Amino acid sequence: FVGVQYHPELKSRPFAPHPLFAGF
């Protein structure tokens, strides 16, 4: 259960999935 004030989706890439999305 994680909430973030920022937008991690904007830094995700196919070769480097954002760690929060990978963990989710």
PDB file of all heavy atoms in Angstrom:
ATOM      1  N   PHE A   1       0.870  -1.179   0.000  1.00  0.00           N
ATOM      2  CA  PHE A   1       0.000   0.000   0.000  1.00  0.00           C
ATOM      3  C   PHE A   1       0.901   1.221   0.000  1.00  0.00           C
ATOM      4  O   PHE A   1       1.530   1.555   1.006  1.00  0.00           O
ATOM      5  CB  PHE A   1      -0.887   0.003   1.244  1.00  0.00           C
ATOM      6  CG  PHE A   1      -2.035   0.979   1.188  1.00  0.00           C
ATOM      7  CD1 PHE A   1      -3.339   0.526   1.035  1.00  0.00           C
ATOM      8  CD2 PHE A   1      -1.819   2.350   1.314  1.00  0.00           C
ATOM      9  CE1 PHE A   1      -4.403   1.429   1.001  1.00  0.00           C
ATOM     10  CE2 PHE A   1      -2.870   3.249   1.270  1.00  0.00           C
ATOM     11  CZ  PHE A   1      -4.178   2.788   1.118  1.00  0.00           C
ATOM     12  N   VAL A   2       0.989   1.892  -1.158  1.00  0.00           N
ATOM     13  CA  VAL A   2       1.931   3.005  -1.341  1.00  0.00           C
ATOM     14  C   VAL A   2       1.228   4.170  -2.013  1.00  0.00           C
ATOM     15  O   VAL A   2       0.456   3.987  -2.963  1.00  0.00           O
ATOM     16  CB  VAL A   2       3.148   2.567  -2.186  1.00  0.00           C
ATOM     17  CG1 VAL A   2       4.035   3.770  -2.518  1.00  0.00           C
ATOM     18  CG2 VAL A   2       3.950   1.499  -1.468  1.00  0.00           C
ATOM     19  N   GLY A   3       1.493   5.353  -1.507  1.00  0.00           N
ATOM     20  CA  GLY A   3       1.017   6.569  -2.151  1.00  0.00           C
ATOM     21  C   GLY A   3       2.180   7.518  -2.362  1.00  0.00           C
ATOM     22  O   GLY A   3       3.059   7.631  -1.505  1.00  0.00           O
ATOM     23  N   VAL A   4       2.208   8.178  -3.511  1.00  0.00           N
ATOM     24  CA  VAL A   4       3.277   9.139  -3.807  1.00  0.00           C
ATOM     25  C   VAL A   4       2.664  10.427  -4.337  1.00  0.00           C
ATOM     26  O   VAL A   4       1.672  10.400  -5.068  1.00  0.00           O
ATOM     27  CB  VAL A   4       4.291   8.569  -4.831  1.00  0.00           C
ATOM     28  CG1 VAL A   4       4.985   7.341  -4.261  1.00  0.00           C
ATOM     29  CG2 VAL A   4       3.624   8.243  -6.152  1.00  0.00           C
ATOM     30  N   GLN A   5       3.248  11.562  -3.964  1.00  0.00           N
ATOM     31  CA  GLN A   5       2.734  12.848  -4.398  1.00  0.00           C
ATOM     32  C   GLN A   5       3.183  13.188  -5.821  1.00  0.00           C
ATOM     33  O   GLN A   5       2.575  14.002  -6.494  1.00  0.00           O
ATOM     34  CB  GLN A   5       3.201  13.937  -3.431  1.00  0.00           C
ATOM     35  CG  GLN A   5       2.659  15.321  -3.738  1.00  0.00           C
ATOM     36  CD  GLN A   5       1.149  15.375  -3.748  1.00  0.00           C
ATOM     37  OE1 GLN A   5       0.511  15.307  -2.724  1.00  0.00           O
ATOM     38  NE2 GLN A   5       0.562  15.477  -4.935  1.00  0.00           N
ATOM     39  N   TYR A   6       4.211  12.536  -6.285  1.00  0.00           N
ATOM     40  CA  TYR A   6       4.772  12.830  -7.610  1.00  0.00           C
ATOM     41  C   TYR A   6       4.238  11.848  -8.658  1.00  0.00           C
ATOM     42  O   TYR A   6       3.334  11.053  -8.385  1.00  0.00           O
ATOM     43  CB  TYR A   6       6.301  12.778  -7.545  1.00  0.00           C
ATOM     44  CG  TYR A   6       6.843  11.574  -6.801  1.00  0.00           C
ATOM     45  CD1 TYR A   6       6.964  10.335  -7.410  1.00  0.00           C
ATOM     46  CD2 TYR A   6       7.227  11.675  -5.459  1.00  0.00           C
ATOM     47  CE1 TYR A   6       7.459   9.230  -6.730  1.00  0.00           C
ATOM     48  CE2 TYR A   6       7.721  10.574  -4.768  1.00  0.00           C
ATOM     49  CZ  TYR A   6       7.831   9.360  -5.415  1.00  0.00           C
ATOM     50  OH  TYR A   6       8.310   8.257  -4.744  1.00  0.00           O
ATOM     51  N   HIS A   7       4.794  11.915  -9.856  1.00  0.00           N
ATOM     52  CA  HIS A   7       4.318  11.095 -10.973  1.00  0.00           C
ATOM     53  C   HIS A   7       5.430  10.178 -11.485  1.00  0.00           C
ATOM     54  O   HIS A   7       6.132  10.512 -12.448  1.00  0.00           O
ATOM     55  CB  HIS A   7       3.809  11.998 -12.101  1.00  0.00           C
ATOM     56  CG  HIS A   7       2.551  12.717 -11.767  1.00  0.00           C
ATOM     57  ND1 HIS A   7       1.301  12.196 -12.030  1.00  0.00           N
ATOM     58  CD2 HIS A   7       2.345  13.907 -11.146  1.00  0.00           C
ATOM     59  CE1 HIS A   7       0.380  13.039 -11.609  1.00  0.00           C
ATOM     60  NE2 HIS A   7       0.983  14.085 -11.068  1.00  0.00           N
ATOM     61  N   PRO A   8       5.593   9.016 -10.877  1.00  0.00           N
ATOM     62  CA  PRO A   8       6.672   8.112 -11.293  1.00  0.00           C
ATOM     63  C   PRO A   8       6.484   7.555 -12.700  1.00  0.00           C
ATOM     64  O   PRO A   8       7.456   7.140 -13.330  1.00  0.00           O
ATOM     65  CB  PRO A   8       6.612   6.996 -10.243  1.00  0.00           C
ATOM     66  CG  PRO A   8       5.194   7.010  -9.767  1.00  0.00           C
ATOM     67  CD  PRO A   8       4.793   8.453  -9.771  1.00  0.00           C
ATOM     68  N   GLU A   9       5.254   7.555 -13.205  1.00  0.00           N
ATOM     69  CA  GLU A   9       5.022   7.010 -14.546  1.00  0.00           C
ATOM     70  C   GLU A   9       5.781   7.779 -15.620  1.00  0.00           C
ATOM     71  O   GLU A   9       6.095   7.227 -16.688  1.00  0.00           O
ATOM     72  CB  GLU A   9       3.521   7.013 -14.878  1.00  0.00           C
ATOM     73  CG  GLU A   9       2.876   8.366 -15.073  1.00  0.00           C
ATOM     74  CD  GLU A   9       2.371   9.002 -13.795  1.00  0.00           C
ATOM     75  OE1 GLU A   9       2.834   8.602 -12.713  1.00  0.00           O
ATOM     76  OE2 GLU A   9       1.512   9.908 -13.882  1.00  0.00           O
ATOM     77  N   LEU A  10       6.124   9.029 -15.333  1.00  0.00           N
ATOM     78  CA  LEU A  10       6.801   9.857 -16.333  1.00  0.00           C
ATOM     79  C   LEU A  10       8.266   9.483 -16.523  1.00  0.00           C
ATOM     80  O   LEU A  10       8.898   9.920 -17.490  1.00  0.00           O
ATOM     81  CB  LEU A  10       6.698  11.334 -15.941  1.00  0.00           C
ATOM     82  CG  LEU A  10       5.263  11.886 -15.829  1.00  0.00           C
ATOM     83  CD1 LEU A  10       5.291  13.343 -15.414  1.00  0.00           C
ATOM     84  CD2 LEU A  10       4.513  11.718 -17.137  1.00  0.00           C
ATOM     85  N   LYS A  11       8.804   8.674 -15.630  1.00  0.00           N
ATOM     86  CA  LYS A  11      10.209   8.281 -15.739  1.00  0.00           C
ATOM     87  C   LYS A  11      10.378   6.799 -16.061  1.00  0.00           C
ATOM     88  O   LYS A  11      11.500   6.297 -16.107  1.00  0.00           O
ATOM     89  CB  LYS A  11      10.957   8.614 -14.445  1.00  0.00           C
ATOM     90  CG  LYS A  11      11.062  10.113 -14.171  1.00  0.00           C
ATOM     91  CD  LYS A  11      11.841  10.420 -12.900  1.00  0.00           C
ATOM     92  CE  LYS A  11      13.305  10.080 -13.029  1.00  0.00           C
ATOM     93  NZ  LYS A  11      14.089  10.507 -11.849  1.00  0.00           N
ATOM     94  N   SER A  12       9.286   6.107 -16.279  1.00  0.00           N
ATOM     95  CA  SER A  12       9.373   4.678 -16.586  1.00  0.00           C
ATOM     96  C   SER A  12       9.701   4.471 -18.063  1.00  0.00           C
ATOM     97  O   SER A  12       9.239   5.226 -18.927  1.00  0.00           O
ATOM     98  CB  SER A  12       8.050   3.991 -16.245  1.00  0.00           C
ATOM     99  OG  SER A  12       8.156   2.594 -16.376  1.00  0.00           O
ATOM    100  N   ARG A  13      10.498   3.448 -18.346  1.00  0.00           N
ATOM    101  CA  ARG A  13      10.891   3.123 -19.716  1.00  0.00           C
ATOM    102  C   ARG A  13      10.813   1.607 -19.913  1.00  0.00           C
ATOM    103  O   ARG A  13      10.959   0.841 -18.953  1.00  0.00           O
ATOM    104  CB  ARG A  13      12.330   3.591 -19.983  1.00  0.00           C
ATOM    105  CG  ARG A  13      12.531   5.097 -19.822  1.00  0.00           C
ATOM    106  CD  ARG A  13      11.839   5.882 -20.923  1.00  0.00           C
ATOM    107  NE  ARG A  13      12.071   7.312 -20.808  1.00  0.00           N
ATOM    108  CZ  ARG A  13      11.272   8.151 -20.144  1.00  0.00           C
ATOM    109  NH1 ARG A  13      10.203   7.683 -19.513  1.00  0.00           N
ATOM    110  NH2 ARG A  13      11.526   9.439 -20.115  1.00  0.00           N
ATOM    111  N   PRO A  14      10.609   1.145 -21.131  1.00  0.00           N
ATOM    112  CA  PRO A  14      10.521  -0.312 -21.337  1.00  0.00           C
ATOM    113  C   PRO A  14      11.789  -1.049 -20.917  1.00  0.00           C
ATOM    114  O   PRO A  14      11.720  -2.150 -20.371  1.00  0.00           O
ATOM    115  CB  PRO A  14      10.257  -0.446 -22.844  1.00  0.00           C
ATOM    116  CG  PRO A  14      10.668   0.863 -23.436  1.00  0.00           C
ATOM    117  CD  PRO A  14      10.398   1.881 -22.390  1.00  0.00           C
ATOM    118  N   PHE A  15      12.970  -0.436 -21.156  1.00  0.00           N
ATOM    119  CA  PHE A  15      14.224  -1.064 -20.751  1.00  0.00           C
ATOM    120  C   PHE A  15      14.508  -0.868 -19.266  1.00  0.00           C
ATOM    121  O   PHE A  15      15.314  -1.589 -18.687  1.00  0.00           O
ATOM    122  CB  PHE A  15      15.403  -0.482 -21.543  1.00  0.00           C
ATOM    123  CG  PHE A  15      15.360  -0.823 -23.007  1.00  0.00           C
ATOM    124  CD1 PHE A  15      15.813   0.081 -23.948  1.00  0.00           C
ATOM    125  CD2 PHE A  15      14.872  -2.055 -23.445  1.00  0.00           C
ATOM    126  CE1 PHE A  15      15.787  -0.232 -25.301  1.00  0.00           C
ATOM    127  CE2 PHE A  15      14.836  -2.362 -24.792  1.00  0.00           C
ATOM    128  CZ  PHE A  15      15.288  -1.464 -25.719  1.00  0.00           C
ATOM    129  N   ALA A  16      13.853   0.124 -18.667  1.00  0.00           N
ATOM    130  CA  ALA A  16      14.084   0.432 -17.254  1.00  0.00           C
ATOM    131  C   ALA A  16      12.745   0.739 -16.593  1.00  0.00           C
ATOM    132  O   ALA A  16      12.439   1.906 -16.317  1.00  0.00           O
ATOM    133  CB  ALA A  16      15.046   1.604 -17.110  1.00  0.00           C
ATOM    134  N   PRO A  17      11.925  -0.279 -16.332  1.00  0.00           N
ATOM    135  CA  PRO A  17      10.640  -0.047 -15.671  1.00  0.00           C
ATOM    136  C   PRO A  17      10.843   0.657 -14.336  1.00  0.00           C
ATOM    137  O   PRO A  17      11.786   0.355 -13.606  1.00  0.00           O
ATOM    138  CB  PRO A  17      10.087  -1.464 -15.473  1.00  0.00           C
ATOM    139  CG  PRO A  17      10.764  -2.291 -16.527  1.00  0.00           C
ATOM    140  CD  PRO A  17      12.135  -1.697 -16.657  1.00  0.00           C
ATOM    141  N   HIS A  18       9.977   1.592 -14.029  1.00  0.00           N
ATOM    142  CA  HIS A  18      10.116   2.295 -12.758  1.00  0.00           C
ATOM    143  C   HIS A  18       9.970   1.301 -11.608  1.00  0.00           C
ATOM    144  O   HIS A  18       9.085   0.441 -11.636  1.00  0.00           O
ATOM    145  CB  HIS A  18       9.050   3.391 -12.639  1.00  0.00           C
ATOM    146  CG  HIS A  18       9.339   4.371 -11.547  1.00  0.00           C
ATOM    147  ND1 HIS A  18       9.154   4.073 -10.204  1.00  0.00           N
ATOM    148  CD2 HIS A  18       9.813   5.654 -11.578  1.00  0.00           C
ATOM    149  CE1 HIS A  18       9.490   5.112  -9.478  1.00  0.00           C
ATOM    150  NE2 HIS A  18       9.903   6.082 -10.280  1.00  0.00           N
ATOM    151  N   PRO A  19      10.835   1.379 -10.592  1.00  0.00           N
ATOM    152  CA  PRO A  19      10.799   0.390  -9.511  1.00  0.00           C
ATOM    153  C   PRO A  19       9.455   0.308  -8.790  1.00  0.00           C
ATOM    154  O   PRO A  19       9.074  -0.769  -8.315  1.00  0.00           O
ATOM    155  CB  PRO A  19      11.913   0.847  -8.564  1.00  0.00           C
ATOM    156  CG  PRO A  19      12.200   2.266  -8.941  1.00  0.00           C
ATOM    157  CD  PRO A  19      11.922   2.358 -10.395  1.00  0.00           C
ATOM    158  N   LEU A  20       8.724   1.418  -8.710  1.00  0.00           N
ATOM    159  CA  LEU A  20       7.425   1.372  -8.047  1.00  0.00           C
ATOM    160  C   LEU A  20       6.408   0.600  -8.867  1.00  0.00           C
ATOM    161  O   LEU A  20       5.595  -0.161  -8.331  1.00  0.00           O
ATOM    162  CB  LEU A  20       6.920   2.784  -7.770  1.00  0.00           C
ATOM    163  CG  LEU A  20       7.743   3.624  -6.796  1.00  0.00           C
ATOM    164  CD1 LEU A  20       7.036   4.946  -6.491  1.00  0.00           C
ATOM    165  CD2 LEU A  20       8.023   2.863  -5.504  1.00  0.00           C
ATOM    166  N   PHE A  21       6.442   0.755 -10.179  1.00  0.00           N
ATOM    167  CA  PHE A  21       5.513   0.005 -11.030  1.00  0.00           C
ATOM    168  C   PHE A  21       5.917  -1.464 -11.093  1.00  0.00           C
ATOM    169  O   PHE A  21       5.059  -2.352 -11.130  1.00  0.00           O
ATOM    170  CB  PHE A  21       5.457   0.623 -12.426  1.00  0.00           C
ATOM    171  CG  PHE A  21       4.596   1.846 -12.487  1.00  0.00           C
ATOM    172  CD1 PHE A  21       5.144   3.110 -12.296  1.00  0.00           C
ATOM    173  CD2 PHE A  21       3.233   1.747 -12.700  1.00  0.00           C
ATOM    174  CE1 PHE A  21       4.350   4.244 -12.325  1.00  0.00           C
ATOM    175  CE2 PHE A  21       2.425   2.868 -12.740  1.00  0.00           C
ATOM    176  CZ  PHE A  21       2.986   4.125 -12.549  1.00  0.00           C
ATOM    177  N   ALA A  22       7.214  -1.740 -11.107  1.00  0.00           N
ATOM    178  CA  ALA A  22       7.678  -3.126 -11.080  1.00  0.00           C
ATOM    179  C   ALA A  22       7.235  -3.791  -9.775  1.00  0.00           C
ATOM    180  O   ALA A  22       6.750  -4.927  -9.765  1.00  0.00           O
ATOM    181  CB  ALA A  22       9.195  -3.181 -11.228  1.00  0.00           C
ATOM    182  N   GLY A  23       7.383  -3.075  -8.649  1.00  0.00           N
ATOM    183  CA  GLY A  23       6.978  -3.622  -7.364  1.00  0.00           C
ATOM    184  C   GLY A  23       5.471  -3.785  -7.252  1.00  0.00           C
ATOM    185  O   GLY A  23       4.977  -4.755  -6.665  1.00  0.00           O
ATOM    186  N   PHE A  24       4.740  -2.832  -7.805  1.00  0.00           N
ATOM    187  CA  PHE A  24       3.273  -2.875  -7.777  1.00  0.00           C
ATOM    188  C   PHE A  24       2.745  -4.083  -8.542  1.00  0.00           C
ATOM    189  O   PHE A  24       1.882  -4.826  -8.052  1.00  0.00           O
ATOM    190  CB  PHE A  24       2.724  -1.579  -8.372  1.00  0.00           C
ATOM    191  CG  PHE A  24       1.227  -1.487  -8.409  1.00  0.00           C
ATOM    192  CD1 PHE A  24       0.474  -1.635  -7.251  1.00  0.00           C
ATOM    193  CD2 PHE A  24       0.568  -1.232  -9.605  1.00  0.00           C
ATOM    194  CE1 PHE A  24      -0.927  -1.531  -7.284  1.00  0.00           C
ATOM    195  CE2 PHE A  24      -0.809  -1.120  -9.655  1.00  0.00           C
ATOM    196  CZ  PHE A  24      -1.562  -1.273  -8.493  1.00  0.00           C
TER     197      PHE A  24
END
